[in-house]
Amino acid sequence: PEVTTYAVPSKGKVPTVSAVSADPYATVTITQ
């Protein structure tokens, strides 16, 4: 949770990114 930037290898089709908040009542917005 403390690291905010990640580099992920990807080949072919662009994958969908998902995320789960630590607090279930927090709001999560994802730009794919």
PDB file of all heavy atoms in Angstrom:
ATOM      1  N   PRO A   1       0.797  -1.226   0.000  1.00  0.00           N
ATOM      2  CA  PRO A   1       0.000   0.000   0.000  1.00  0.00           C
ATOM      3  C   PRO A   1       0.835   1.284   0.000  1.00  0.00           C
ATOM      4  O   PRO A   1       0.379   2.323  -0.457  1.00  0.00           O
ATOM      5  CB  PRO A   1      -0.812  -0.083   1.293  1.00  0.00           C
ATOM      6  CG  PRO A   1      -0.816  -1.518   1.661  1.00  0.00           C
ATOM      7  CD  PRO A   1       0.458  -2.097   1.130  1.00  0.00           C
ATOM      8  N   GLU A   2       2.073   1.190   0.478  1.00  0.00           N
ATOM      9  CA  GLU A   2       2.933   2.373   0.538  1.00  0.00           C
ATOM     10  C   GLU A   2       3.597   2.696  -0.797  1.00  0.00           C
ATOM     11  O   GLU A   2       4.064   3.804  -1.011  1.00  0.00           O
ATOM     12  CB  GLU A   2       4.032   2.194   1.594  1.00  0.00           C
ATOM     13  CG  GLU A   2       3.506   2.130   3.021  1.00  0.00           C
ATOM     14  CD  GLU A   2       2.967   0.755   3.395  1.00  0.00           C
ATOM     15  OE1 GLU A   2       3.424  -0.261   2.828  1.00  0.00           O
ATOM     16  OE2 GLU A   2       2.059   0.693   4.235  1.00  0.00           O
ATOM     17  N   VAL A   3       3.672   1.715  -1.706  1.00  0.00           N
ATOM     18  CA  VAL A   3       4.286   1.918  -3.021  1.00  0.00           C
ATOM     19  C   VAL A   3       3.179   2.352  -3.977  1.00  0.00           C
ATOM     20  O   VAL A   3       2.171   1.680  -4.114  1.00  0.00           O
ATOM     21  CB  VAL A   3       4.973   0.628  -3.523  1.00  0.00           C
ATOM     22  CG1 VAL A   3       5.558   0.835  -4.907  1.00  0.00           C
ATOM     23  CG2 VAL A   3       6.031   0.171  -2.532  1.00  0.00           C
ATOM     24  N   THR A   4       3.387   3.477  -4.666  1.00  0.00           N
ATOM     25  CA  THR A   4       2.317   4.032  -5.502  1.00  0.00           C
ATOM     26  C   THR A   4       2.561   3.939  -7.005  1.00  0.00           C
ATOM     27  O   THR A   4       1.694   4.307  -7.785  1.00  0.00           O
ATOM     28  CB  THR A   4       2.064   5.503  -5.123  1.00  0.00           C
ATOM     29  OG1 THR A   4       3.272   6.241  -5.298  1.00  0.00           O
ATOM     30  CG2 THR A   4       1.573   5.628  -3.689  1.00  0.00           C
ATOM     31  N   THR A   5       3.726   3.446  -7.420  1.00  0.00           N
ATOM     32  CA  THR A   5       4.016   3.314  -8.851  1.00  0.00           C
ATOM     33  C   THR A   5       4.555   1.920  -9.135  1.00  0.00           C
ATOM     34  O   THR A   5       5.465   1.444  -8.446  1.00  0.00           O
ATOM     35  CB  THR A   5       5.046   4.366  -9.300  1.00  0.00           C
ATOM     36  OG1 THR A   5       4.543   5.666  -8.979  1.00  0.00           O
ATOM     37  CG2 THR A   5       5.289   4.291 -10.801  1.00  0.00           C
ATOM     38  N   TYR A   6       4.002   1.291 -10.171  1.00  0.00           N
ATOM     39  CA  TYR A   6       4.411  -0.062 -10.552  1.00  0.00           C
ATOM     40  C   TYR A   6       4.630  -0.128 -12.050  1.00  0.00           C
ATOM     41  O   TYR A   6       3.906   0.517 -12.818  1.00  0.00           O
ATOM     42  CB  TYR A   6       3.325  -1.082 -10.167  1.00  0.00           C
ATOM     43  CG  TYR A   6       3.125  -1.200  -8.680  1.00  0.00           C
ATOM     44  CD1 TYR A   6       2.206  -0.396  -8.022  1.00  0.00           C
ATOM     45  CD2 TYR A   6       3.876  -2.092  -7.926  1.00  0.00           C
ATOM     46  CE1 TYR A   6       2.035  -0.487  -6.654  1.00  0.00           C
ATOM     47  CE2 TYR A   6       3.713  -2.190  -6.561  1.00  0.00           C
ATOM     48  CZ  TYR A   6       2.781  -1.383  -5.935  1.00  0.00           C
ATOM     49  OH  TYR A   6       2.620  -1.470  -4.584  1.00  0.00           O
ATOM     50  N   ALA A   7       5.617  -0.918 -12.480  1.00  0.00           N
ATOM     51  CA  ALA A   7       5.846  -1.216 -13.894  1.00  0.00           C
ATOM     52  C   ALA A   7       5.552  -2.698 -14.065  1.00  0.00           C
ATOM     53  O   ALA A   7       6.143  -3.539 -13.391  1.00  0.00           O
ATOM     54  CB  ALA A   7       7.280  -0.898 -14.291  1.00  0.00           C
ATOM     55  N   VAL A   8       4.632  -3.015 -14.981  1.00  0.00           N
ATOM     56  CA  VAL A   8       4.187  -4.390 -15.167  1.00  0.00           C
ATOM     57  C   VAL A   8       4.398  -4.789 -16.618  1.00  0.00           C
ATOM     58  O   VAL A   8       3.879  -4.128 -17.524  1.00  0.00           O
ATOM     59  CB  VAL A   8       2.694  -4.531 -14.789  1.00  0.00           C
ATOM     60  CG1 VAL A   8       2.218  -5.951 -15.001  1.00  0.00           C
ATOM     61  CG2 VAL A   8       2.461  -4.090 -13.353  1.00  0.00           C
ATOM     62  N   PRO A   9       5.158  -5.868 -16.862  1.00  0.00           N
ATOM     63  CA  PRO A   9       5.326  -6.336 -18.241  1.00  0.00           C
ATOM     64  C   PRO A   9       3.989  -6.788 -18.826  1.00  0.00           C
ATOM     65  O   PRO A   9       3.193  -7.433 -18.144  1.00  0.00           O
ATOM     66  CB  PRO A   9       6.287  -7.522 -18.119  1.00  0.00           C
ATOM     67  CG  PRO A   9       6.825  -7.475 -16.726  1.00  0.00           C
ATOM     68  CD  PRO A   9       5.887  -6.681 -15.905  1.00  0.00           C
ATOM     69  N   SER A  10       3.762  -6.436 -20.086  1.00  0.00           N
ATOM     70  CA  SER A  10       2.513  -6.815 -20.738  1.00  0.00           C
ATOM     71  C   SER A  10       2.779  -7.113 -22.202  1.00  0.00           C
ATOM     72  O   SER A  10       3.497  -6.370 -22.871  1.00  0.00           O
ATOM     73  CB  SER A  10       1.505  -5.675 -20.612  1.00  0.00           C
ATOM     74  OG  SER A  10       0.341  -5.973 -21.333  1.00  0.00           O
ATOM     75  N   LYS A  11       2.204  -8.193 -22.684  1.00  0.00           N
ATOM     76  CA  LYS A  11       2.338  -8.572 -24.099  1.00  0.00           C
ATOM     77  C   LYS A  11       0.952  -8.723 -24.692  1.00  0.00           C
ATOM     78  O   LYS A  11       0.040  -9.211 -24.038  1.00  0.00           O
ATOM     79  CB  LYS A  11       3.076  -9.903 -24.233  1.00  0.00           C
ATOM     80  CG  LYS A  11       4.486  -9.883 -23.713  1.00  0.00           C
ATOM     81  CD  LYS A  11       5.102 -11.266 -23.829  1.00  0.00           C
ATOM     82  CE  LYS A  11       6.452 -11.312 -23.146  1.00  0.00           C
ATOM     83  NZ  LYS A  11       6.998 -12.653 -23.091  1.00  0.00           N
ATOM     84  N   GLY A  12       0.801  -8.300 -25.925  1.00  0.00           N
ATOM     85  CA  GLY A  12      -0.468  -8.504 -26.620  1.00  0.00           C
ATOM     86  C   GLY A  12      -1.559  -7.570 -26.151  1.00  0.00           C
ATOM     87  O   GLY A  12      -1.369  -6.365 -26.019  1.00  0.00           O
ATOM     88  N   LYS A  13      -2.732  -8.147 -25.882  1.00  0.00           N
ATOM     89  CA  LYS A  13      -3.912  -7.383 -25.501  1.00  0.00           C
ATOM     90  C   LYS A  13      -3.673  -6.592 -24.209  1.00  0.00           C
ATOM     91  O   LYS A  13      -3.060  -7.081 -23.274  1.00  0.00           O
ATOM     92  CB  LYS A  13      -5.084  -8.353 -25.309  1.00  0.00           C
ATOM     93  CG  LYS A  13      -6.383  -7.684 -25.040  1.00  0.00           C
ATOM     94  CD  LYS A  13      -7.492  -8.720 -24.882  1.00  0.00           C
ATOM     95  CE  LYS A  13      -8.771  -8.012 -24.463  1.00  0.00           C
ATOM     96  NZ  LYS A  13      -9.843  -8.962 -24.186  1.00  0.00           N
ATOM     97  N   VAL A  14      -4.170  -5.364 -24.183  1.00  0.00           N
ATOM     98  CA  VAL A  14      -4.014  -4.507 -23.001  1.00  0.00           C
ATOM     99  C   VAL A  14      -4.919  -5.058 -21.886  1.00  0.00           C
ATOM    100  O   VAL A  14      -6.127  -5.177 -22.067  1.00  0.00           O
ATOM    101  CB  VAL A  14      -4.397  -3.050 -23.324  1.00  0.00           C
ATOM    102  CG1 VAL A  14      -4.301  -2.188 -22.081  1.00  0.00           C
ATOM    103  CG2 VAL A  14      -3.521  -2.501 -24.432  1.00  0.00           C
ATOM    104  N   PRO A  15      -4.326  -5.404 -20.728  1.00  0.00           N
ATOM    105  CA  PRO A  15      -5.124  -5.986 -19.640  1.00  0.00           C
ATOM    106  C   PRO A  15      -5.938  -4.939 -18.882  1.00  0.00           C
ATOM    107  O   PRO A  15      -5.616  -3.748 -18.893  1.00  0.00           O
ATOM    108  CB  PRO A  15      -4.067  -6.606 -18.727  1.00  0.00           C
ATOM    109  CG  PRO A  15      -2.857  -5.752 -18.943  1.00  0.00           C
ATOM    110  CD  PRO A  15      -2.908  -5.338 -20.380  1.00  0.00           C
ATOM    111  N   THR A  16      -6.956  -5.399 -18.229  1.00  0.00           N
ATOM    112  CA  THR A  16      -7.769  -4.545 -17.363  1.00  0.00           C
ATOM    113  C   THR A  16      -7.106  -4.462 -15.996  1.00  0.00           C
ATOM    114  O   THR A  16      -6.608  -5.459 -15.475  1.00  0.00           O
ATOM    115  CB  THR A  16      -9.185  -5.136 -17.208  1.00  0.00           C
ATOM    116  OG1 THR A  16      -9.786  -5.214 -18.494  1.00  0.00           O
ATOM    117  CG2 THR A  16     -10.049  -4.283 -16.302  1.00  0.00           C
ATOM    118  N   VAL A  17      -7.102  -3.282 -15.417  1.00  0.00           N
ATOM    119  CA  VAL A  17      -6.534  -3.073 -14.083  1.00  0.00           C
ATOM    120  C   VAL A  17      -7.691  -2.962 -13.097  1.00  0.00           C
ATOM    121  O   VAL A  17      -8.685  -2.285 -13.356  1.00  0.00           O
ATOM    122  CB  VAL A  17      -5.652  -1.810 -14.049  1.00  0.00           C
ATOM    123  CG1 VAL A  17      -5.186  -1.503 -12.638  1.00  0.00           C
ATOM    124  CG2 VAL A  17      -4.460  -1.973 -14.990  1.00  0.00           C
ATOM    125  N   SER A  18      -7.572  -3.648 -11.968  1.00  0.00           N
ATOM    126  CA  SER A  18      -8.575  -3.573 -10.912  1.00  0.00           C
ATOM    127  C   SER A  18      -7.889  -3.224  -9.597  1.00  0.00           C
ATOM    128  O   SER A  18      -6.674  -3.382  -9.460  1.00  0.00           O
ATOM    129  CB  SER A  18      -9.323  -4.906 -10.784  1.00  0.00           C
ATOM    130  OG  SER A  18      -8.416  -5.948 -10.469  1.00  0.00           O
ATOM    131  N   ALA A  19      -8.663  -2.755  -8.641  1.00  0.00           N
ATOM    132  CA  ALA A  19      -8.095  -2.376  -7.343  1.00  0.00           C
ATOM    133  C   ALA A  19      -9.153  -2.518  -6.259  1.00  0.00           C
ATOM    134  O   ALA A  19     -10.345  -2.347  -6.515  1.00  0.00           O
ATOM    135  CB  ALA A  19      -7.580  -0.938  -7.388  1.00  0.00           C
ATOM    136  N   VAL A  20      -8.683  -2.818  -5.045  1.00  0.00           N
ATOM    137  CA  VAL A  20      -9.563  -2.948  -3.887  1.00  0.00           C
ATOM    138  C   VAL A  20      -9.028  -2.023  -2.794  1.00  0.00           C
ATOM    139  O   VAL A  20      -7.844  -2.085  -2.450  1.00  0.00           O
ATOM    140  CB  VAL A  20      -9.612  -4.404  -3.374  1.00  0.00           C
ATOM    141  CG1 VAL A  20     -10.471  -4.509  -2.126  1.00  0.00           C
ATOM    142  CG2 VAL A  20     -10.124  -5.338  -4.464  1.00  0.00           C
ATOM    143  N   SER A  21      -9.898  -1.185  -2.257  1.00  0.00           N
ATOM    144  CA  SER A  21      -9.469  -0.272  -1.203  1.00  0.00           C
ATOM    145  C   SER A  21      -9.369  -0.992   0.135  1.00  0.00           C
ATOM    146  O   SER A  21     -10.065  -1.979   0.379  1.00  0.00           O
ATOM    147  CB  SER A  21     -10.454   0.903  -1.086  1.00  0.00           C
ATOM    148  OG  SER A  21     -11.741   0.418  -0.758  1.00  0.00           O
ATOM    149  N   ALA A  22      -8.492  -0.495   0.997  1.00  0.00           N
ATOM    150  CA  ALA A  22      -8.338  -1.063   2.341  1.00  0.00           C
ATOM    151  C   ALA A  22      -9.607  -0.829   3.156  1.00  0.00           C
ATOM    152  O   ALA A  22     -10.018  -1.682   3.929  1.00  0.00           O
ATOM    153  CB  ALA A  22      -7.125  -0.449   3.034  1.00  0.00           C
ATOM    154  N   ASP A  23     -10.228   0.330   2.977  1.00  0.00           N
ATOM    155  CA  ASP A  23     -11.499   0.643   3.632  1.00  0.00           C
ATOM    156  C   ASP A  23     -12.614   0.356   2.633  1.00  0.00           C
ATOM    157  O   ASP A  23     -12.650   0.949   1.555  1.00  0.00           O
ATOM    158  CB  ASP A  23     -11.528   2.118   4.040  1.00  0.00           C
ATOM    159  CG  ASP A  23     -12.862   2.556   4.624  1.00  0.00           C
ATOM    160  OD1 ASP A  23     -13.781   1.718   4.759  1.00  0.00           O
ATOM    161  OD2 ASP A  23     -12.989   3.743   4.955  1.00  0.00           O
ATOM    162  N   PRO A  24     -13.537  -0.540   2.962  1.00  0.00           N
ATOM    163  CA  PRO A  24     -14.584  -0.881   1.988  1.00  0.00           C
ATOM    164  C   PRO A  24     -15.499   0.286   1.625  1.00  0.00           C
ATOM    165  O   PRO A  24     -16.224   0.210   0.640  1.00  0.00           O
ATOM    166  CB  PRO A  24     -15.361  -2.000   2.679  1.00  0.00           C
ATOM    167  CG  PRO A  24     -15.053  -1.873   4.123  1.00  0.00           C
ATOM    168  CD  PRO A  24     -13.687  -1.270   4.214  1.00  0.00           C
ATOM    169  N   TYR A  25     -15.462   1.371   2.393  1.00  0.00           N
ATOM    170  CA  TYR A  25     -16.312   2.521   2.108  1.00  0.00           C
ATOM    171  C   TYR A  25     -15.582   3.635   1.363  1.00  0.00           C
ATOM    172  O   TYR A  25     -16.181   4.666   1.051  1.00  0.00           O
ATOM    173  CB  TYR A  25     -16.915   3.063   3.406  1.00  0.00           C
ATOM    174  CG  TYR A  25     -17.747   2.018   4.098  1.00  0.00           C
ATOM    175  CD1 TYR A  25     -17.290   1.413   5.264  1.00  0.00           C
ATOM    176  CD2 TYR A  25     -18.965   1.601   3.583  1.00  0.00           C
ATOM    177  CE1 TYR A  25     -18.040   0.426   5.891  1.00  0.00           C
ATOM    178  CE2 TYR A  25     -19.713   0.625   4.201  1.00  0.00           C
ATOM    179  CZ  TYR A  25     -19.254   0.045   5.354  1.00  0.00           C
ATOM    180  OH  TYR A  25     -19.990  -0.937   5.969  1.00  0.00           O
ATOM    181  N   ALA A  26     -14.309   3.448   1.081  1.00  0.00           N
ATOM    182  CA  ALA A  26     -13.556   4.419   0.282  1.00  0.00           C
ATOM    183  C   ALA A  26     -13.999   4.287  -1.177  1.00  0.00           C
ATOM    184  O   ALA A  26     -14.523   3.256  -1.597  1.00  0.00           O
ATOM    185  CB  ALA A  26     -12.058   4.169   0.415  1.00  0.00           C
ATOM    186  N   THR A  27     -13.769   5.344  -1.949  1.00  0.00           N
ATOM    187  CA  THR A  27     -14.130   5.343  -3.364  1.00  0.00           C
ATOM    188  C   THR A  27     -12.875   5.110  -4.207  1.00  0.00           C
ATOM    189  O   THR A  27     -11.858   5.774  -3.997  1.00  0.00           O
ATOM    190  CB  THR A  27     -14.753   6.693  -3.752  1.00  0.00           C
ATOM    191  OG1 THR A  27     -15.875   6.934  -2.910  1.00  0.00           O
ATOM    192  CG2 THR A  27     -15.196   6.712  -5.197  1.00  0.00           C
ATOM    193  N   VAL A  28     -12.972   4.171  -5.145  1.00  0.00           N
ATOM    194  CA  VAL A  28     -11.849   3.854  -6.030  1.00  0.00           C
ATOM    195  C   VAL A  28     -12.254   4.190  -7.462  1.00  0.00           C
ATOM    196  O   VAL A  28     -13.290   3.737  -7.941  1.00  0.00           O
ATOM    197  CB  VAL A  28     -11.458   2.363  -5.932  1.00  0.00           C
ATOM    198  CG1 VAL A  28     -10.339   2.038  -6.912  1.00  0.00           C
ATOM    199  CG2 VAL A  28     -11.059   1.999  -4.511  1.00  0.00           C
ATOM    200  N   THR A  29     -11.431   5.002  -8.141  1.00  0.00           N
ATOM    201  CA  THR A  29     -11.650   5.355  -9.542  1.00  0.00           C
ATOM    202  C   THR A  29     -10.432   4.896 -10.332  1.00  0.00           C
ATOM    203  O   THR A  29      -9.297   5.179  -9.938  1.00  0.00           O
ATOM    204  CB  THR A  29     -11.818   6.881  -9.697  1.00  0.00           C
ATOM    205  OG1 THR A  29     -12.866   7.310  -8.828  1.00  0.00           O
ATOM    206  CG2 THR A  29     -12.157   7.253 -11.119  1.00  0.00           C
ATOM    207  N   ILE A  30     -10.675   4.180 -11.440  1.00  0.00           N
ATOM    208  CA  ILE A  30      -9.571   3.629 -12.230  1.00  0.00           C
ATOM    209  C   ILE A  30      -9.676   4.121 -13.669  1.00  0.00           C
ATOM    210  O   ILE A  30     -10.707   3.969 -14.312  1.00  0.00           O
ATOM    211  CB  ILE A  30      -9.583   2.087 -12.218  1.00  0.00           C
ATOM    212  CG1 ILE A  30      -9.531   1.569 -10.785  1.00  0.00           C
ATOM    213  CG2 ILE A  30      -8.434   1.527 -13.053  1.00  0.00           C
ATOM    214  CD1 ILE A  30      -9.735   0.069 -10.670  1.00  0.00           C
ATOM    215  N   THR A  31      -8.582   4.707 -14.156  1.00  0.00           N
ATOM    216  CA  THR A  31      -8.459   5.024 -15.570  1.00  0.00           C
ATOM    217  C   THR A  31      -7.718   3.844 -16.197  1.00  0.00           C
ATOM    218  O   THR A  31      -6.557   3.581 -15.854  1.00  0.00           O
ATOM    219  CB  THR A  31      -7.664   6.332 -15.787  1.00  0.00           C
ATOM    220  OG1 THR A  31      -8.320   7.383 -15.090  1.00  0.00           O
ATOM    221  CG2 THR A  31      -7.554   6.660 -17.265  1.00  0.00           C
ATOM    222  N   GLN A  32      -8.390   3.137 -17.077  1.00  0.00           N
ATOM    223  CA  GLN A  32      -7.820   1.919 -17.662  1.00  0.00           C
ATOM    224  C   GLN A  32      -6.761   2.270 -18.712  1.00  0.00           C
ATOM    225  O   GLN A  32      -6.856   3.297 -19.384  1.00  0.00           O
ATOM    226  CB  GLN A  32      -8.929   1.077 -18.308  1.00  0.00           C
ATOM    227  CG  GLN A  32      -9.929   0.505 -17.319  1.00  0.00           C
ATOM    228  CD  GLN A  32      -9.295  -0.500 -16.368  1.00  0.00           C
ATOM    229  OE1 GLN A  32      -8.324  -1.187 -16.678  1.00  0.00           O
ATOM    230  NE2 GLN A  32      -9.855  -0.582 -15.161  1.00  0.00           N
TER     231      GLN A  32
END
